[in-house]
C-alpha cells in the first residue's frame, strides 16, 4: 500500500511540477494536418512544405517507433527541411525544462513528510475554529502548494487528508471516511 502511495505521489508531483512550461518555449500548433488527422506541430516546423508536413505527420502517427527512433527521425526531418537550428534550440530548452521539473519533483518528495506532519497537526488541533483551521491549511498550501496538492491527491485515494477539506480546507474536522460513514458503517450502525 505504501509503495503504491509513493508511486501515486511521484506521478502526481511530476505532473504538477512540470506545470504549463516556459512561456518563451515554442508552443505546438494544433491543426488538422495532412490526411485529416490532428498533429501537434512545433512552431519551428510551421513553414515546412505540405509534403514535409505529410512526412512529419506520418512520423507522429507511427506508434511502432521507439522514442529514440522518433527523436532521430525528427532531427533528420528538421535538417531536411532547413529548421535544424530551431530544432536544436527547442531540444535544449526541452532538456532544461525537464531537468528543472526533476529537481522540483525531488524537492517536493523530500518535503512531503514534513508538510504531512504540519497538516496532521492542523487537523489534530482541537483548539482551532473551523475558520482558523481553513486559514492554517490555506497558509500551508500557499507555502507548499505542490506538497499539499500531492497530499490531497493521496488522501482522496486512501481516504486520508483531502477527503473533505478540498481546495480550501473545508470539512467536518475529521479527515478519515465520509460524513456519516460509508455504506457498511451505516448498515452496521443501523443494526
Protein backbone atom coordinates (compact mmCIF):
# COMPACT_ATOMS: atom_id res chain seq x y z
CA UNK A 1 0.00 0.00 0.00
CA UNK A 2 2.77 2.42 0.95
CA UNK A 3 4.60 1.72 -2.29
CA UNK A 4 1.53 2.48 -4.35
CA UNK A 5 1.02 5.75 -2.45
CA UNK A 6 4.63 6.73 -3.11
CA UNK A 7 4.19 5.89 -6.80
CA UNK A 8 0.97 7.93 -6.99
CA UNK A 9 2.67 10.84 -5.22
CA UNK A 10 5.64 10.75 -7.56
CA UNK A 11 3.40 10.62 -10.63
CA UNK A 12 1.25 13.49 -9.38
CA UNK A 13 4.21 15.59 -8.37
CA UNK A 14 5.83 15.09 -11.75
CA UNK A 15 2.69 16.35 -13.44
CA UNK A 16 2.18 19.26 -11.03
CA UNK A 17 5.84 20.27 -11.12
CA UNK A 18 6.04 20.16 -14.88
CA UNK A 19 3.41 22.88 -14.97
CA UNK A 20 2.46 24.75 -18.10
CA UNK A 21 6.08 25.13 -19.16
CA UNK A 22 8.22 28.03 -20.27
CA UNK A 23 6.29 30.86 -21.91
CA UNK A 24 9.21 31.52 -24.25
CA UNK A 25 9.24 27.93 -25.43
CA UNK A 26 7.63 27.25 -28.81
CA UNK A 27 4.08 26.07 -28.38
CA UNK A 28 2.71 23.34 -30.61
CA UNK A 29 0.15 24.39 -33.18
CA UNK A 30 -2.91 22.19 -33.01
CA UNK A 31 -4.06 21.93 -36.58
CA UNK A 32 -5.77 19.35 -38.67
CA UNK A 33 -2.91 18.09 -40.74
CA UNK A 34 -2.46 16.27 -44.00
CA UNK A 35 -4.60 13.17 -44.25
CA UNK A 36 -7.28 14.66 -41.99
CA UNK A 37 -5.75 13.73 -38.63
CA UNK A 38 -4.55 16.09 -35.92
CA UNK A 39 -0.90 16.94 -35.39
CA UNK A 40 0.86 18.96 -32.78
CA UNK A 41 3.48 20.69 -34.90
CA UNK A 42 6.12 22.61 -33.02
CA UNK A 43 6.39 26.16 -34.37
CA UNK A 44 9.75 25.51 -36.00
CA UNK A 45 8.01 23.11 -38.42
CA UNK A 46 5.40 25.77 -39.28
CA UNK A 47 6.94 26.93 -42.57
CA UNK A 48 7.61 23.44 -43.90
CA UNK A 49 6.04 22.49 -47.25
CA UNK A 50 2.86 20.41 -47.45
CA UNK A 51 4.97 17.41 -48.48
CA UNK A 52 7.12 17.94 -45.40
CA UNK A 53 4.09 18.27 -43.16
CA UNK A 54 2.75 14.96 -44.51
CA UNK A 55 6.08 13.32 -43.79
CA UNK A 56 6.21 14.77 -40.28
CA UNK A 57 2.57 13.80 -39.71
CA UNK A 58 3.26 10.22 -40.72
CA UNK A 59 6.14 10.14 -38.26
CA UNK A 60 3.99 11.45 -35.41
CA UNK A 61 1.24 8.96 -36.27
CA UNK A 62 3.58 5.95 -36.29
CA UNK A 63 3.08 4.28 -32.91
CA UNK A 64 5.58 1.48 -33.64
CA UNK A 65 8.69 3.65 -33.41
CA UNK A 66 10.71 3.84 -30.21
CA UNK A 67 11.23 7.23 -28.63
CA UNK A 68 14.87 7.16 -29.72
CA UNK A 69 13.83 6.42 -33.31
CA UNK A 70 11.33 9.28 -33.25
CA UNK A 71 13.99 11.69 -31.97
CA UNK A 72 16.43 10.59 -34.67
CA UNK A 73 13.84 10.87 -37.44
CA UNK A 74 12.60 14.27 -36.26
CA UNK A 75 16.18 15.56 -36.21
CA UNK A 76 16.68 14.24 -39.75
CA UNK A 77 13.45 15.90 -40.94
CA UNK A 78 14.44 19.17 -39.27
CA UNK A 79 17.73 19.00 -41.16
CA UNK A 80 15.99 18.06 -44.42
CA UNK A 81 13.56 20.99 -44.21
CA UNK A 82 16.07 23.59 -43.03
CA UNK A 83 14.94 24.03 -39.44
CA UNK A 84 17.76 22.13 -37.70
CA UNK A 85 18.99 25.15 -35.71
CA UNK A 86 15.50 25.88 -34.37
CA UNK A 87 15.04 22.18 -33.56
CA UNK A 88 18.33 22.07 -31.61
CA UNK A 89 17.29 25.19 -29.69
CA UNK A 90 13.92 23.58 -28.94
CA UNK A 91 15.61 20.38 -27.70
CA UNK A 92 17.97 22.38 -25.47
CA UNK A 93 15.05 24.25 -23.86
CA UNK A 94 13.15 20.98 -23.51
CA UNK A 95 16.14 19.38 -21.72
CA UNK A 96 16.46 22.38 -19.39
CA UNK A 97 12.75 22.26 -18.55
CA UNK A 98 12.90 18.52 -17.91
CA UNK A 99 15.91 18.89 -15.60
CA UNK A 100 14.12 21.66 -13.68
CA UNK A 101 10.98 19.52 -13.37
CA UNK A 102 13.02 16.61 -11.99
CA UNK A 103 14.70 18.92 -9.49
CA UNK A 104 11.33 20.33 -8.35
CA UNK A 105 9.87 16.83 -8.09
CA UNK A 106 12.74 15.66 -5.90
CA UNK A 107 12.29 18.72 -3.68
CA UNK A 108 8.55 18.14 -3.30
CA UNK A 109 9.08 14.47 -2.47
CA UNK A 110 11.66 15.32 0.18
CA UNK A 111 9.23 17.85 1.74
CA UNK A 112 6.15 15.59 1.79
CA UNK A 113 6.76 14.06 5.21
CA UNK A 114 7.29 17.41 6.93
CA UNK A 115 4.28 19.02 5.24
CA UNK A 116 2.17 15.96 6.08
CA UNK A 117 3.15 16.34 9.74
CA UNK A 118 2.15 20.03 9.65
CA UNK A 119 -1.17 19.18 8.02
CA UNK A 120 -1.82 16.47 10.62
CA UNK A 121 -1.04 18.95 13.41
CA UNK A 122 -3.55 21.42 11.96
CA UNK A 123 -6.24 18.73 11.74
CA UNK A 124 -5.47 17.42 15.24
CA UNK A 125 -5.50 20.88 16.88
CA UNK A 126 -8.92 20.94 18.53
CA UNK A 127 -8.37 24.47 19.86
CA UNK A 128 -8.77 25.89 16.35
CA UNK A 129 -12.06 27.13 14.98
CA UNK A 130 -13.12 25.79 11.59
CA UNK A 131 -12.24 29.17 10.10
CA UNK A 132 -8.79 29.15 11.75
CA UNK A 133 -8.25 25.59 10.54
CA UNK A 134 -9.13 26.58 6.96
CA UNK A 135 -6.82 29.60 7.21
CA UNK A 136 -3.96 27.47 8.57
CA UNK A 137 -4.41 24.96 5.74
CA UNK A 138 -4.59 27.79 3.19
CA UNK A 139 -1.36 29.30 4.59
CA UNK A 140 0.36 25.91 4.42
CA UNK A 141 -0.95 25.45 0.88
CA UNK A 142 0.40 28.89 -0.09
CA UNK A 143 3.84 27.99 1.25
CA UNK A 144 3.88 24.38 -0.07
CA UNK A 145 1.36 24.27 -2.91
CA UNK A 146 2.65 21.17 -4.69
CA UNK A 147 3.15 19.21 -1.47
CA UNK A 148 -0.37 19.95 -0.18
CA UNK A 149 -1.84 19.14 -3.59
CA UNK A 150 0.02 15.81 -3.58
CA UNK A 151 -1.18 15.05 -0.05
CA UNK A 152 -4.74 15.95 -1.06
CA UNK A 153 -4.45 13.59 -4.02
CA UNK A 154 -3.04 10.78 -1.90
CA UNK A 155 -5.64 11.40 0.78
CA UNK A 156 -8.50 11.19 -1.67
CA UNK A 157 -7.16 7.84 -2.88
CA UNK A 158 -6.59 6.48 0.62
CA UNK A 159 -9.42 8.26 2.49
CA UNK A 160 -6.94 10.43 4.38
CA UNK A 161 -6.21 14.15 4.01
CA UNK A 162 -8.19 15.78 1.26
CA UNK A 163 -11.27 13.62 1.63
CA UNK A 164 -13.42 16.55 2.67
CA UNK A 165 -11.37 19.67 3.08
CA UNK A 166 -10.84 20.00 -0.65
CA UNK A 167 -9.19 23.07 -2.12
CA UNK A 168 -9.92 25.43 0.77
CA UNK A 169 -9.61 23.19 3.80
CA UNK A 170 -13.33 22.91 4.40
CA UNK A 171 -14.69 19.88 6.16
CA UNK A 172 -16.08 18.42 9.29
CA UNK A 173 -12.79 18.37 11.20
CA UNK A 174 -12.24 14.69 10.51
CA UNK A 175 -10.27 13.52 7.56
CA UNK A 176 -10.98 9.80 7.53
CA UNK A 177 -14.07 8.36 5.87
CA UNK A 178 -17.20 10.04 4.61
CA UNK A 179 -19.56 12.08 6.73
CA UNK A 180 -21.94 9.62 8.26
CA UNK A 181 -19.61 6.71 7.43
CA UNK A 182 -19.51 4.50 4.42
CA UNK A 183 -22.35 2.17 3.42
CA UNK A 184 -21.02 -0.70 5.54
CA UNK A 185 -20.61 1.56 8.60
CA UNK A 186 -24.16 2.91 8.19
CA UNK A 187 -25.54 -0.61 7.78
CA UNK A 188 -23.71 -1.78 10.93
CA UNK A 189 -24.85 1.28 12.88
CA UNK A 190 -28.46 0.71 11.82
CA UNK A 191 -28.46 -2.83 13.24
